[in-house]
Amino acid sequence: MGTNRKADSDPTVEYYNKNANAFIERSRTADLNHAYARFLAIVPSGGRVLDAGCGSGRDSKYFIEKGFDVEAFDASREMVKFASDHAGVEVQHLRFDQIRYNKEFDAVWASASLLHVPKDDIQAVLHRLILALMDGGVLYLSVKVRESITPAGGRCFYYYTPNELEQLLSSRDDAVVLDTWIKEEEGCLWANAMCRREQSG
């Protein structure tokens, strides 16, 4: 997960620190094959992937096993510890507003992490993630469409309709939308999107 607030005082980050084991166990069974397939179909073999708000490191581990060069970060110290161990990569303890990448990755993977970013901050966060991509690089993201059956437990969520998500991305001049789709997972409806960084001048 990742947020755009000071981590030490963020109730969402505190939730993940206190409930890391329960969250990891709950997210272990998520079926992301639909997203993996679409994402990796357009990422160069062996390319560099940034797992943004990596949570348990489940996806980082998957990409590493597929031969990709993975870097990852998360705002929760407990998630960073587990993910580093689980994925076998040194996960960085960072919030979205702390990243300073510039044209370093073939792809950015932001699965279920941007949903914690306040809507007033989301365009600034997208700018940082797209800036991390090399020209032509791909960003994948997923957000909740509505409240799910899983209790928030003190976490803060920001929901998007599919149209809102597409408008959010298509309004940018640094990226072009490649694909959007909806997927239901364990009682929760998710909006998914992929976009490509435009060539810079």
N, C-alpha and C. Protein backbone atom coordinates (compact mmCIF):
# COMPACT_ATOMS: atom_id res chain seq x y z
N MET A 1 0.85 -1.18 0.00
CA MET A 1 0.00 0.00 0.00
C MET A 1 0.88 1.24 0.00
N GLY A 2 0.29 2.37 -0.36
CA GLY A 2 1.04 3.61 -0.35
C GLY A 2 0.08 4.75 -0.09
N THR A 3 0.55 5.78 0.57
CA THR A 3 -0.31 6.94 0.81
C THR A 3 0.47 8.19 0.49
N ASN A 4 -0.19 9.32 0.61
CA ASN A 4 0.46 10.59 0.31
C ASN A 4 0.45 11.50 1.53
N ARG A 5 0.39 10.89 2.72
CA ARG A 5 0.43 11.65 3.95
C ARG A 5 1.65 11.22 4.78
N LYS A 6 1.95 11.99 5.82
CA LYS A 6 3.04 11.62 6.70
C LYS A 6 2.73 10.28 7.33
N ALA A 7 3.61 9.30 7.09
CA ALA A 7 3.30 7.92 7.48
C ALA A 7 3.12 7.74 8.98
N ASP A 8 3.90 8.46 9.78
CA ASP A 8 3.86 8.26 11.23
C ASP A 8 2.50 8.61 11.83
N SER A 9 1.72 9.48 11.17
CA SER A 9 0.45 9.90 11.74
C SER A 9 -0.74 9.47 10.88
N ASP A 10 -0.51 8.64 9.92
CA ASP A 10 -1.56 8.22 8.98
C ASP A 10 -2.28 6.99 9.52
N PRO A 11 -3.59 7.07 9.79
CA PRO A 11 -4.31 5.91 10.33
C PRO A 11 -4.34 4.73 9.36
N THR A 12 -4.27 5.00 8.05
CA THR A 12 -4.25 3.90 7.09
C THR A 12 -2.94 3.12 7.20
N VAL A 13 -1.83 3.84 7.28
CA VAL A 13 -0.53 3.18 7.45
C VAL A 13 -0.50 2.43 8.77
N GLU A 14 -1.04 3.05 9.81
CA GLU A 14 -1.06 2.41 11.13
C GLU A 14 -1.87 1.12 11.10
N TYR A 15 -2.96 1.13 10.35
CA TYR A 15 -3.76 -0.10 10.19
C TYR A 15 -2.90 -1.22 9.64
N TYR A 16 -2.16 -0.94 8.57
CA TYR A 16 -1.33 -1.99 7.96
C TYR A 16 -0.19 -2.42 8.87
N ASN A 17 0.35 -1.49 9.64
CA ASN A 17 1.39 -1.88 10.59
C ASN A 17 0.85 -2.82 11.67
N LYS A 18 -0.36 -2.54 12.15
CA LYS A 18 -0.93 -3.32 13.24
C LYS A 18 -1.59 -4.62 12.77
N ASN A 19 -2.04 -4.64 11.51
CA ASN A 19 -2.80 -5.79 11.00
C ASN A 19 -2.11 -6.46 9.82
N ALA A 20 -0.79 -6.37 9.79
CA ALA A 20 -0.02 -6.88 8.65
C ALA A 20 -0.31 -8.35 8.39
N ASN A 21 -0.26 -9.17 9.42
CA ASN A 21 -0.44 -10.62 9.21
C ASN A 21 -1.82 -10.95 8.65
N ALA A 22 -2.84 -10.32 9.20
CA ALA A 22 -4.21 -10.58 8.74
C ALA A 22 -4.40 -10.12 7.30
N PHE A 23 -3.85 -8.96 6.98
CA PHE A 23 -3.98 -8.46 5.61
C PHE A 23 -3.24 -9.35 4.62
N ILE A 24 -2.05 -9.76 4.98
CA ILE A 24 -1.24 -10.62 4.10
C ILE A 24 -1.97 -11.93 3.82
N GLU A 25 -2.55 -12.50 4.86
CA GLU A 25 -3.27 -13.76 4.69
C GLU A 25 -4.51 -13.56 3.82
N ARG A 26 -5.19 -12.43 3.99
CA ARG A 26 -6.41 -12.16 3.23
C ARG A 26 -6.11 -11.90 1.75
N SER A 27 -5.00 -11.25 1.48
CA SER A 27 -4.68 -10.88 0.10
C SER A 27 -3.95 -11.99 -0.66
N ARG A 28 -3.54 -13.02 0.07
CA ARG A 28 -2.75 -14.10 -0.54
C ARG A 28 -3.51 -14.81 -1.66
N THR A 29 -4.85 -14.91 -1.53
CA THR A 29 -5.64 -15.70 -2.46
C THR A 29 -6.21 -14.88 -3.63
N ALA A 30 -5.91 -13.59 -3.68
CA ALA A 30 -6.46 -12.76 -4.75
C ALA A 30 -6.03 -13.28 -6.12
N ASP A 31 -6.98 -13.36 -7.04
CA ASP A 31 -6.70 -13.84 -8.39
C ASP A 31 -6.40 -12.65 -9.30
N LEU A 32 -5.13 -12.43 -9.61
CA LEU A 32 -4.73 -11.32 -10.45
C LEU A 32 -4.25 -11.77 -11.83
N ASN A 33 -4.57 -12.99 -12.21
CA ASN A 33 -4.11 -13.51 -13.50
C ASN A 33 -4.58 -12.64 -14.66
N HIS A 34 -5.79 -12.08 -14.55
CA HIS A 34 -6.31 -11.22 -15.61
C HIS A 34 -5.43 -9.99 -15.78
N ALA A 35 -4.99 -9.41 -14.68
CA ALA A 35 -4.15 -8.21 -14.74
C ALA A 35 -2.72 -8.56 -15.12
N TYR A 36 -2.17 -9.62 -14.54
CA TYR A 36 -0.82 -10.05 -14.91
C TYR A 36 -0.71 -10.25 -16.41
N ALA A 37 -1.68 -10.95 -17.00
CA ALA A 37 -1.61 -11.29 -18.42
C ALA A 37 -1.61 -10.03 -19.30
N ARG A 38 -2.50 -9.11 -19.02
CA ARG A 38 -2.58 -7.88 -19.83
C ARG A 38 -1.33 -7.02 -19.64
N PHE A 39 -0.87 -6.94 -18.42
CA PHE A 39 0.30 -6.11 -18.10
C PHE A 39 1.57 -6.66 -18.74
N LEU A 40 1.84 -7.93 -18.51
CA LEU A 40 3.10 -8.50 -18.99
C LEU A 40 3.13 -8.70 -20.49
N ALA A 41 1.96 -8.69 -21.13
CA ALA A 41 1.91 -8.81 -22.58
C ALA A 41 2.57 -7.62 -23.28
N ILE A 42 2.67 -6.48 -22.56
CA ILE A 42 3.25 -5.30 -23.19
C ILE A 42 4.48 -4.76 -22.45
N VAL A 43 4.97 -5.52 -21.49
CA VAL A 43 6.21 -5.15 -20.79
C VAL A 43 7.36 -5.96 -21.40
N PRO A 44 8.46 -5.32 -21.77
CA PRO A 44 9.57 -6.05 -22.37
C PRO A 44 10.07 -7.18 -21.47
N SER A 45 10.36 -8.31 -22.05
CA SER A 45 10.88 -9.46 -21.28
C SER A 45 12.12 -9.05 -20.50
N GLY A 46 12.12 -9.35 -19.21
CA GLY A 46 13.27 -9.02 -18.36
C GLY A 46 13.36 -7.55 -18.01
N GLY A 47 12.32 -6.77 -18.31
CA GLY A 47 12.35 -5.33 -18.07
C GLY A 47 12.31 -4.96 -16.59
N ARG A 48 12.51 -3.66 -16.34
CA ARG A 48 12.48 -3.15 -14.97
C ARG A 48 11.06 -2.76 -14.59
N VAL A 49 10.60 -3.28 -13.45
CA VAL A 49 9.24 -3.04 -12.97
C VAL A 49 9.30 -2.41 -11.58
N LEU A 50 8.55 -1.34 -11.38
CA LEU A 50 8.41 -0.72 -10.06
C LEU A 50 7.07 -1.14 -9.47
N ASP A 51 7.10 -1.83 -8.32
CA ASP A 51 5.88 -2.22 -7.61
C ASP A 51 5.58 -1.12 -6.60
N ALA A 52 4.63 -0.26 -6.93
CA ALA A 52 4.36 0.95 -6.16
C ALA A 52 3.27 0.70 -5.11
N GLY A 53 3.66 0.74 -3.84
CA GLY A 53 2.73 0.37 -2.77
C GLY A 53 2.55 -1.13 -2.78
N CYS A 54 3.65 -1.85 -2.58
CA CYS A 54 3.73 -3.29 -2.87
C CYS A 54 3.03 -4.18 -1.85
N GLY A 55 2.64 -3.63 -0.68
CA GLY A 55 1.98 -4.47 0.32
C GLY A 55 2.84 -5.65 0.73
N SER A 56 2.30 -6.84 0.60
CA SER A 56 2.98 -8.06 1.06
C SER A 56 4.15 -8.48 0.19
N GLY A 57 4.27 -7.88 -1.00
CA GLY A 57 5.33 -8.30 -1.92
C GLY A 57 4.91 -9.46 -2.81
N ARG A 58 3.62 -9.82 -2.73
CA ARG A 58 3.11 -10.93 -3.54
C ARG A 58 3.38 -10.73 -5.03
N ASP A 59 3.08 -9.52 -5.53
CA ASP A 59 3.24 -9.27 -6.96
C ASP A 59 4.71 -9.11 -7.34
N SER A 60 5.49 -8.49 -6.46
CA SER A 60 6.94 -8.39 -6.71
C SER A 60 7.55 -9.77 -6.89
N LYS A 61 7.16 -10.68 -6.00
CA LYS A 61 7.67 -12.05 -6.07
C LYS A 61 7.28 -12.70 -7.40
N TYR A 62 6.04 -12.50 -7.82
CA TYR A 62 5.56 -13.08 -9.09
C TYR A 62 6.39 -12.55 -10.26
N PHE A 63 6.61 -11.24 -10.30
CA PHE A 63 7.37 -10.66 -11.42
C PHE A 63 8.82 -11.11 -11.41
N ILE A 64 9.41 -11.22 -10.23
CA ILE A 64 10.79 -11.70 -10.13
C ILE A 64 10.89 -13.13 -10.66
N GLU A 65 9.93 -13.95 -10.29
CA GLU A 65 9.94 -15.35 -10.75
C GLU A 65 9.74 -15.45 -12.26
N LYS A 66 9.15 -14.41 -12.86
CA LYS A 66 8.97 -14.37 -14.31
C LYS A 66 10.17 -13.75 -15.03
N GLY A 67 11.20 -13.42 -14.26
CA GLY A 67 12.44 -12.93 -14.86
C GLY A 67 12.57 -11.43 -14.97
N PHE A 68 11.69 -10.66 -14.30
CA PHE A 68 11.76 -9.21 -14.37
C PHE A 68 12.65 -8.64 -13.25
N ASP A 69 13.21 -7.48 -13.51
CA ASP A 69 14.04 -6.77 -12.54
C ASP A 69 13.11 -5.85 -11.75
N VAL A 70 12.89 -6.16 -10.48
CA VAL A 70 11.85 -5.48 -9.70
C VAL A 70 12.42 -4.59 -8.61
N GLU A 71 11.87 -3.39 -8.50
CA GLU A 71 12.10 -2.51 -7.36
C GLU A 71 10.73 -2.26 -6.74
N ALA A 72 10.67 -2.11 -5.41
CA ALA A 72 9.38 -1.97 -4.74
C ALA A 72 9.49 -1.02 -3.57
N PHE A 73 8.34 -0.41 -3.24
CA PHE A 73 8.28 0.44 -2.04
C PHE A 73 6.91 0.35 -1.41
N ASP A 74 6.83 0.70 -0.12
CA ASP A 74 5.56 0.74 0.59
C ASP A 74 5.68 1.71 1.76
N ALA A 75 4.54 2.27 2.18
CA ALA A 75 4.55 3.24 3.27
C ALA A 75 4.52 2.60 4.65
N SER A 76 4.16 1.31 4.72
CA SER A 76 4.06 0.61 5.99
C SER A 76 5.37 -0.11 6.31
N ARG A 77 5.92 0.18 7.48
CA ARG A 77 7.18 -0.48 7.87
C ARG A 77 7.03 -1.99 7.97
N GLU A 78 5.89 -2.44 8.50
CA GLU A 78 5.68 -3.88 8.66
C GLU A 78 5.54 -4.56 7.30
N MET A 79 4.88 -3.92 6.36
CA MET A 79 4.78 -4.47 5.02
C MET A 79 6.14 -4.52 4.34
N VAL A 80 6.93 -3.49 4.54
CA VAL A 80 8.28 -3.45 3.97
C VAL A 80 9.11 -4.64 4.46
N LYS A 81 9.02 -4.91 5.76
CA LYS A 81 9.77 -6.04 6.33
C LYS A 81 9.33 -7.36 5.72
N PHE A 82 8.02 -7.58 5.69
CA PHE A 82 7.51 -8.85 5.16
C PHE A 82 7.82 -8.97 3.67
N ALA A 83 7.55 -7.92 2.90
CA ALA A 83 7.73 -7.97 1.45
C ALA A 83 9.19 -8.20 1.08
N SER A 84 10.10 -7.59 1.81
CA SER A 84 11.53 -7.77 1.52
C SER A 84 11.91 -9.24 1.67
N ASP A 85 11.39 -9.84 2.72
CA ASP A 85 11.66 -11.25 2.99
C ASP A 85 10.96 -12.15 1.97
N HIS A 86 9.70 -11.86 1.72
CA HIS A 86 8.87 -12.71 0.87
C HIS A 86 9.32 -12.68 -0.60
N ALA A 87 9.63 -11.50 -1.09
CA ALA A 87 10.00 -11.36 -2.50
C ALA A 87 11.49 -11.50 -2.74
N GLY A 88 12.28 -11.40 -1.67
CA GLY A 88 13.73 -11.52 -1.85
C GLY A 88 14.34 -10.30 -2.50
N VAL A 89 13.75 -9.13 -2.24
CA VAL A 89 14.26 -7.87 -2.79
C VAL A 89 14.20 -6.83 -1.68
N GLU A 90 15.13 -5.88 -1.68
CA GLU A 90 15.14 -4.85 -0.65
C GLU A 90 14.06 -3.81 -0.94
N VAL A 91 12.96 -3.90 -0.25
CA VAL A 91 11.83 -2.99 -0.46
C VAL A 91 12.11 -1.68 0.26
N GLN A 92 11.83 -0.57 -0.41
CA GLN A 92 12.07 0.75 0.16
C GLN A 92 10.88 1.20 1.00
N HIS A 93 11.18 1.87 2.12
CA HIS A 93 10.11 2.42 2.96
C HIS A 93 9.86 3.86 2.52
N LEU A 94 8.84 4.03 1.63
CA LEU A 94 8.56 5.33 1.03
C LEU A 94 7.06 5.54 0.88
N ARG A 95 6.65 6.80 0.93
CA ARG A 95 5.31 7.20 0.53
C ARG A 95 5.35 7.65 -0.93
N PHE A 96 4.20 7.79 -1.54
CA PHE A 96 4.15 8.25 -2.93
C PHE A 96 4.79 9.63 -3.10
N ASP A 97 4.60 10.51 -2.11
CA ASP A 97 5.14 11.86 -2.27
C ASP A 97 6.64 11.93 -2.04
N GLN A 98 7.26 10.79 -1.72
CA GLN A 98 8.71 10.77 -1.51
C GLN A 98 9.49 10.19 -2.69
N ILE A 99 8.80 9.61 -3.66
CA ILE A 99 9.54 8.98 -4.75
C ILE A 99 10.08 10.04 -5.71
N ARG A 100 11.27 9.78 -6.23
CA ARG A 100 11.94 10.73 -7.11
C ARG A 100 12.55 10.03 -8.32
N TYR A 101 11.84 9.06 -8.88
CA TYR A 101 12.35 8.33 -10.04
C TYR A 101 12.17 9.18 -11.30
N ASN A 102 13.04 8.97 -12.27
CA ASN A 102 12.95 9.68 -13.53
C ASN A 102 13.43 8.79 -14.67
N LYS A 103 12.47 8.31 -15.47
CA LYS A 103 12.78 7.47 -16.64
C LYS A 103 13.64 6.26 -16.27
N GLU A 104 13.21 5.52 -15.24
CA GLU A 104 14.00 4.39 -14.76
C GLU A 104 13.35 3.02 -14.99
N PHE A 105 12.07 2.99 -15.35
CA PHE A 105 11.37 1.70 -15.39
C PHE A 105 10.63 1.50 -16.71
N ASP A 106 10.56 0.22 -17.12
CA ASP A 106 9.75 -0.15 -18.28
C ASP A 106 8.27 -0.17 -17.90
N ALA A 107 7.98 -0.39 -16.62
CA ALA A 107 6.60 -0.49 -16.19
C ALA A 107 6.48 -0.16 -14.70
N VAL A 108 5.32 0.38 -14.35
CA VAL A 108 4.97 0.63 -12.95
C VAL A 108 3.68 -0.13 -12.66
N TRP A 109 3.69 -0.88 -11.56
CA TRP A 109 2.54 -1.68 -11.13
C TRP A 109 2.02 -1.07 -9.83
N ALA A 110 0.77 -0.56 -9.85
CA ALA A 110 0.18 0.06 -8.67
C ALA A 110 -1.16 -0.62 -8.39
N SER A 111 -1.09 -1.83 -7.87
CA SER A 111 -2.28 -2.64 -7.63
C SER A 111 -2.85 -2.34 -6.25
N ALA A 112 -4.07 -1.81 -6.22
CA ALA A 112 -4.79 -1.56 -4.96
C ALA A 112 -4.02 -0.69 -3.99
N SER A 113 -3.21 0.22 -4.50
CA SER A 113 -2.46 1.12 -3.61
C SER A 113 -2.88 2.58 -3.78
N LEU A 114 -3.24 2.98 -4.98
CA LEU A 114 -3.64 4.36 -5.20
C LEU A 114 -5.00 4.67 -4.59
N LEU A 115 -5.74 3.65 -4.21
CA LEU A 115 -7.06 3.87 -3.59
C LEU A 115 -6.96 4.53 -2.22
N HIS A 116 -5.76 4.61 -1.66
CA HIS A 116 -5.57 5.29 -0.38
C HIS A 116 -5.15 6.75 -0.55
N VAL A 117 -4.92 7.18 -1.78
CA VAL A 117 -4.46 8.55 -2.03
C VAL A 117 -5.66 9.49 -2.14
N PRO A 118 -5.70 10.57 -1.36
CA PRO A 118 -6.80 11.54 -1.48
C PRO A 118 -6.95 12.03 -2.92
N LYS A 119 -8.19 12.24 -3.34
CA LYS A 119 -8.42 12.64 -4.73
C LYS A 119 -7.75 13.98 -5.07
N ASP A 120 -7.58 14.84 -4.08
CA ASP A 120 -6.90 16.11 -4.32
C ASP A 120 -5.42 15.91 -4.66
N ASP A 121 -4.87 14.76 -4.28
CA ASP A 121 -3.45 14.48 -4.48
C ASP A 121 -3.18 13.53 -5.64
N ILE A 122 -4.23 12.92 -6.20
CA ILE A 122 -4.01 11.80 -7.12
C ILE A 122 -3.27 12.22 -8.40
N GLN A 123 -3.55 13.40 -8.94
CA GLN A 123 -2.86 13.80 -10.16
C GLN A 123 -1.37 14.00 -9.91
N ALA A 124 -1.01 14.54 -8.76
CA ALA A 124 0.41 14.72 -8.43
C ALA A 124 1.11 13.36 -8.29
N VAL A 125 0.41 12.38 -7.71
CA VAL A 125 0.98 11.04 -7.57
C VAL A 125 1.12 10.37 -8.93
N LEU A 126 0.11 10.49 -9.77
CA LEU A 126 0.21 9.93 -11.12
C LEU A 126 1.37 10.55 -11.88
N HIS A 127 1.58 11.84 -11.70
CA HIS A 127 2.72 12.50 -12.35
C HIS A 127 4.04 11.85 -11.93
N ARG A 128 4.20 11.59 -10.64
CA ARG A 128 5.43 10.97 -10.16
C ARG A 128 5.61 9.56 -10.71
N LEU A 129 4.52 8.80 -10.79
CA LEU A 129 4.61 7.43 -11.29
C LEU A 129 4.89 7.40 -12.78
N ILE A 130 4.25 8.28 -13.52
CA ILE A 130 4.51 8.33 -14.97
C ILE A 130 5.92 8.84 -15.24
N LEU A 131 6.38 9.77 -14.42
CA LEU A 131 7.76 10.27 -14.55
C LEU A 131 8.77 9.15 -14.33
N ALA A 132 8.42 8.17 -13.52
CA ALA A 132 9.32 7.04 -13.26
C ALA A 132 9.50 6.14 -14.47
N LEU A 133 8.56 6.24 -15.43
CA LEU A 133 8.61 5.40 -16.62
C LEU A 133 9.55 5.94 -17.68
N MET A 134 10.20 5.05 -18.38
CA MET A 134 10.91 5.44 -19.59
C MET A 134 9.87 5.77 -20.66
N ASP A 135 10.25 6.52 -21.68
CA ASP A 135 9.31 6.83 -22.75
C ASP A 135 8.72 5.53 -23.30
N GLY A 136 7.40 5.48 -23.40
CA GLY A 136 6.74 4.28 -23.88
C GLY A 136 6.45 3.27 -22.79
N GLY A 137 6.89 3.54 -21.56
CA GLY A 137 6.65 2.62 -20.45
C GLY A 137 5.18 2.57 -20.06
N VAL A 138 4.80 1.51 -19.33
CA VAL A 138 3.40 1.24 -19.04
C VAL A 138 3.11 1.33 -17.55
N LEU A 139 2.02 2.00 -17.20
CA LEU A 139 1.52 2.07 -15.82
C LEU A 139 0.24 1.26 -15.72
N TYR A 140 0.18 0.34 -14.75
CA TYR A 140 -1.05 -0.37 -14.41
C TYR A 140 -1.51 0.10 -13.04
N LEU A 141 -2.82 0.29 -12.89
CA LEU A 141 -3.36 0.63 -11.58
C LEU A 141 -4.74 0.02 -11.42
N SER A 142 -5.12 -0.21 -10.16
CA SER A 142 -6.47 -0.69 -9.85
C SER A 142 -6.98 0.04 -8.62
N VAL A 143 -8.27 0.38 -8.65
CA VAL A 143 -8.93 1.07 -7.54
C VAL A 143 -10.30 0.45 -7.32
N LYS A 144 -10.84 0.64 -6.13
CA LYS A 144 -12.18 0.12 -5.83
C LYS A 144 -13.24 1.01 -6.46
N VAL A 145 -14.29 0.37 -6.97
CA VAL A 145 -15.41 1.10 -7.54
C VAL A 145 -16.36 1.55 -6.43
N ARG A 146 -16.50 0.75 -5.41
CA ARG A 146 -17.40 1.09 -4.31
C ARG A 146 -16.93 0.34 -3.05
N GLU A 147 -17.57 0.66 -1.95
CA GLU A 147 -17.24 0.01 -0.69
C GLU A 147 -17.44 -1.50 -0.80
N SER A 148 -16.51 -2.26 -0.22
CA SER A 148 -16.57 -3.71 -0.32
C SER A 148 -17.08 -4.32 0.99
N ILE A 149 -17.17 -5.64 1.01
CA ILE A 149 -17.64 -6.33 2.21
C ILE A 149 -16.54 -6.41 3.27
N THR A 150 -15.30 -6.12 2.91
CA THR A 150 -14.20 -6.13 3.88
C THR A 150 -14.21 -4.83 4.68
N PRO A 151 -14.30 -4.88 6.00
CA PRO A 151 -14.33 -3.65 6.80
C PRO A 151 -13.09 -2.80 6.58
N ALA A 152 -13.28 -1.49 6.56
CA ALA A 152 -12.15 -0.57 6.36
C ALA A 152 -11.18 -0.62 7.53
N GLY A 153 -11.71 -0.81 8.74
CA GLY A 153 -10.85 -0.94 9.91
C GLY A 153 -9.99 0.28 10.20
N GLY A 154 -10.48 1.46 9.87
CA GLY A 154 -9.71 2.68 10.10
C GLY A 154 -8.98 3.17 8.88
N ARG A 155 -8.93 2.36 7.83
CA ARG A 155 -8.28 2.78 6.58
C ARG A 155 -9.17 3.77 5.84
N CYS A 156 -8.53 4.63 5.06
CA CYS A 156 -9.26 5.60 4.26
C CYS A 156 -9.19 5.17 2.79
N PHE A 157 -10.36 5.03 2.15
CA PHE A 157 -10.43 4.64 0.75
C PHE A 157 -11.06 5.76 -0.08
N TYR A 158 -10.61 5.85 -1.33
CA TYR A 158 -11.19 6.79 -2.29
C TYR A 158 -11.63 5.98 -3.50
N TYR A 159 -12.94 6.04 -3.79
CA TYR A 159 -13.54 5.19 -4.81
C TYR A 159 -13.68 5.93 -6.14
N TYR A 160 -13.63 5.15 -7.23
CA TYR A 160 -13.75 5.71 -8.58
C TYR A 160 -14.71 4.86 -9.40
N THR A 161 -15.61 5.51 -10.10
CA THR A 161 -16.37 4.79 -11.11
C THR A 161 -15.43 4.53 -12.29
N PRO A 162 -15.74 3.55 -13.14
CA PRO A 162 -14.91 3.32 -14.32
C PRO A 162 -14.74 4.58 -15.17
N ASN A 163 -15.82 5.36 -15.33
CA ASN A 163 -15.74 6.59 -16.12
C ASN A 163 -14.82 7.62 -15.47
N GLU A 164 -14.90 7.73 -14.14
CA GLU A 164 -14.02 8.67 -13.43
C GLU A 164 -12.56 8.30 -13.61
N LEU A 165 -12.27 7.00 -13.54
CA LEU A 165 -10.88 6.56 -13.69
C LEU A 165 -10.37 6.85 -15.11
N GLU A 166 -11.19 6.55 -16.11
CA GLU A 166 -10.76 6.80 -17.49
C GLU A 166 -10.57 8.29 -17.74
N GLN A 167 -11.47 9.11 -17.20
CA GLN A 167 -11.35 10.56 -17.37
C GLN A 167 -10.10 11.09 -16.66
N LEU A 168 -9.83 10.54 -15.49
CA LEU A 168 -8.65 10.94 -14.73
C LEU A 168 -7.38 10.74 -15.55
N LEU A 169 -7.29 9.59 -16.22
CA LEU A 169 -6.09 9.27 -16.99
C LEU A 169 -6.07 9.97 -18.35
N SER A 170 -7.22 10.02 -19.01
CA SER A 170 -7.25 10.59 -20.36
C SER A 170 -7.07 12.11 -20.35
N SER A 171 -7.25 12.74 -19.18
CA SER A 171 -7.06 14.19 -19.09
C SER A 171 -5.59 14.58 -19.06
N ARG A 172 -4.72 13.60 -18.91
CA ARG A 172 -3.29 13.89 -18.81
C ARG A 172 -2.66 14.02 -20.20
N ASP A 173 -1.62 14.87 -20.30
CA ASP A 173 -0.94 15.01 -21.59
C ASP A 173 0.38 14.26 -21.64
N ASP A 174 0.69 13.53 -20.55
CA ASP A 174 1.95 12.78 -20.52
C ASP A 174 1.73 11.28 -20.69
N ALA A 175 0.47 10.85 -20.88
CA ALA A 175 0.19 9.42 -21.01
C ALA A 175 -1.06 9.21 -21.85
N VAL A 176 -1.15 8.04 -22.46
CA VAL A 176 -2.32 7.68 -23.25
C VAL A 176 -2.92 6.38 -22.68
N VAL A 177 -4.22 6.35 -22.53
CA VAL A 177 -4.90 5.17 -21.98
C VAL A 177 -4.87 4.04 -22.99
N LEU A 178 -4.44 2.85 -22.54
CA LEU A 178 -4.37 1.68 -23.39
C LEU A 178 -5.55 0.75 -23.19
N ASP A 179 -6.01 0.64 -21.94
CA ASP A 179 -7.03 -0.38 -21.64
C ASP A 179 -7.66 -0.05 -20.29
N THR A 180 -8.95 -0.31 -20.17
CA THR A 180 -9.64 -0.25 -18.88
C THR A 180 -10.59 -1.43 -18.80
N TRP A 181 -10.79 -1.96 -17.60
CA TRP A 181 -11.73 -3.06 -17.44
C TRP A 181 -12.16 -3.17 -15.97
N ILE A 182 -13.25 -3.89 -15.76
CA ILE A 182 -13.81 -4.09 -14.43
C ILE A 182 -13.67 -5.56 -14.05
N LYS A 183 -13.34 -5.82 -12.79
CA LYS A 183 -13.20 -7.20 -12.33
C LYS A 183 -13.74 -7.28 -10.90
N GLU A 184 -14.56 -8.29 -10.65
CA GLU A 184 -15.03 -8.53 -9.29
C GLU A 184 -14.12 -9.54 -8.62
N GLU A 185 -13.72 -9.24 -7.39
CA GLU A 185 -12.83 -10.12 -6.64
C GLU A 185 -13.31 -10.20 -5.21
N GLU A 186 -13.82 -11.36 -4.81
CA GLU A 186 -14.25 -11.62 -3.44
C GLU A 186 -15.18 -10.53 -2.90
N GLY A 187 -16.22 -10.24 -3.66
CA GLY A 187 -17.22 -9.29 -3.20
C GLY A 187 -16.89 -7.84 -3.42
N CYS A 188 -15.78 -7.57 -4.08
CA CYS A 188 -15.37 -6.19 -4.33
C CYS A 188 -15.23 -5.96 -5.83
N LEU A 189 -15.75 -4.83 -6.31
CA LEU A 189 -15.64 -4.48 -7.71
C LEU A 189 -14.45 -3.55 -7.90
N TRP A 190 -13.56 -3.92 -8.82
CA TRP A 190 -12.32 -3.16 -9.06
C TRP A 190 -12.32 -2.58 -10.47
N ALA A 191 -11.91 -1.32 -10.58
CA ALA A 191 -11.66 -0.70 -11.87
C ALA A 191 -10.16 -0.78 -12.14
N ASN A 192 -9.80 -1.31 -13.29
CA ASN A 192 -8.40 -1.49 -13.68
C ASN A 192 -8.09 -0.63 -14.91
N ALA A 193 -6.87 -0.17 -15.02
CA ALA A 193 -6.48 0.63 -16.18
C ALA A 193 -5.00 0.47 -16.47
N MET A 194 -4.65 0.62 -17.74
CA MET A 194 -3.25 0.68 -18.14
C MET A 194 -3.09 1.88 -19.06
N CYS A 195 -1.98 2.60 -18.90
CA CYS A 195 -1.67 3.70 -19.80
C CYS A 195 -0.18 3.68 -20.13
N ARG A 196 0.17 4.33 -21.21
CA ARG A 196 1.55 4.35 -21.68
C ARG A 196 2.10 5.78 -21.62
N ARG A 197 3.32 5.92 -21.16
CA ARG A 197 3.94 7.25 -21.12
C ARG A 197 4.23 7.73 -22.53
N GLU A 198 3.84 8.97 -22.79
CA GLU A 198 4.10 9.57 -24.09
C GLU A 198 5.58 9.92 -24.23
N GLN A 199 6.04 9.94 -25.47
CA GLN A 199 7.41 10.36 -25.75
C GLN A 199 7.58 11.81 -25.30
N SER A 200 8.63 12.09 -24.56
CA SER A 200 8.88 13.47 -24.12
C SER A 200 9.77 14.18 -25.14
N GLY A 201 9.67 15.48 -25.15
CA GLY A 201 10.42 16.23 -26.14
C GLY A 201 11.89 16.36 -25.82
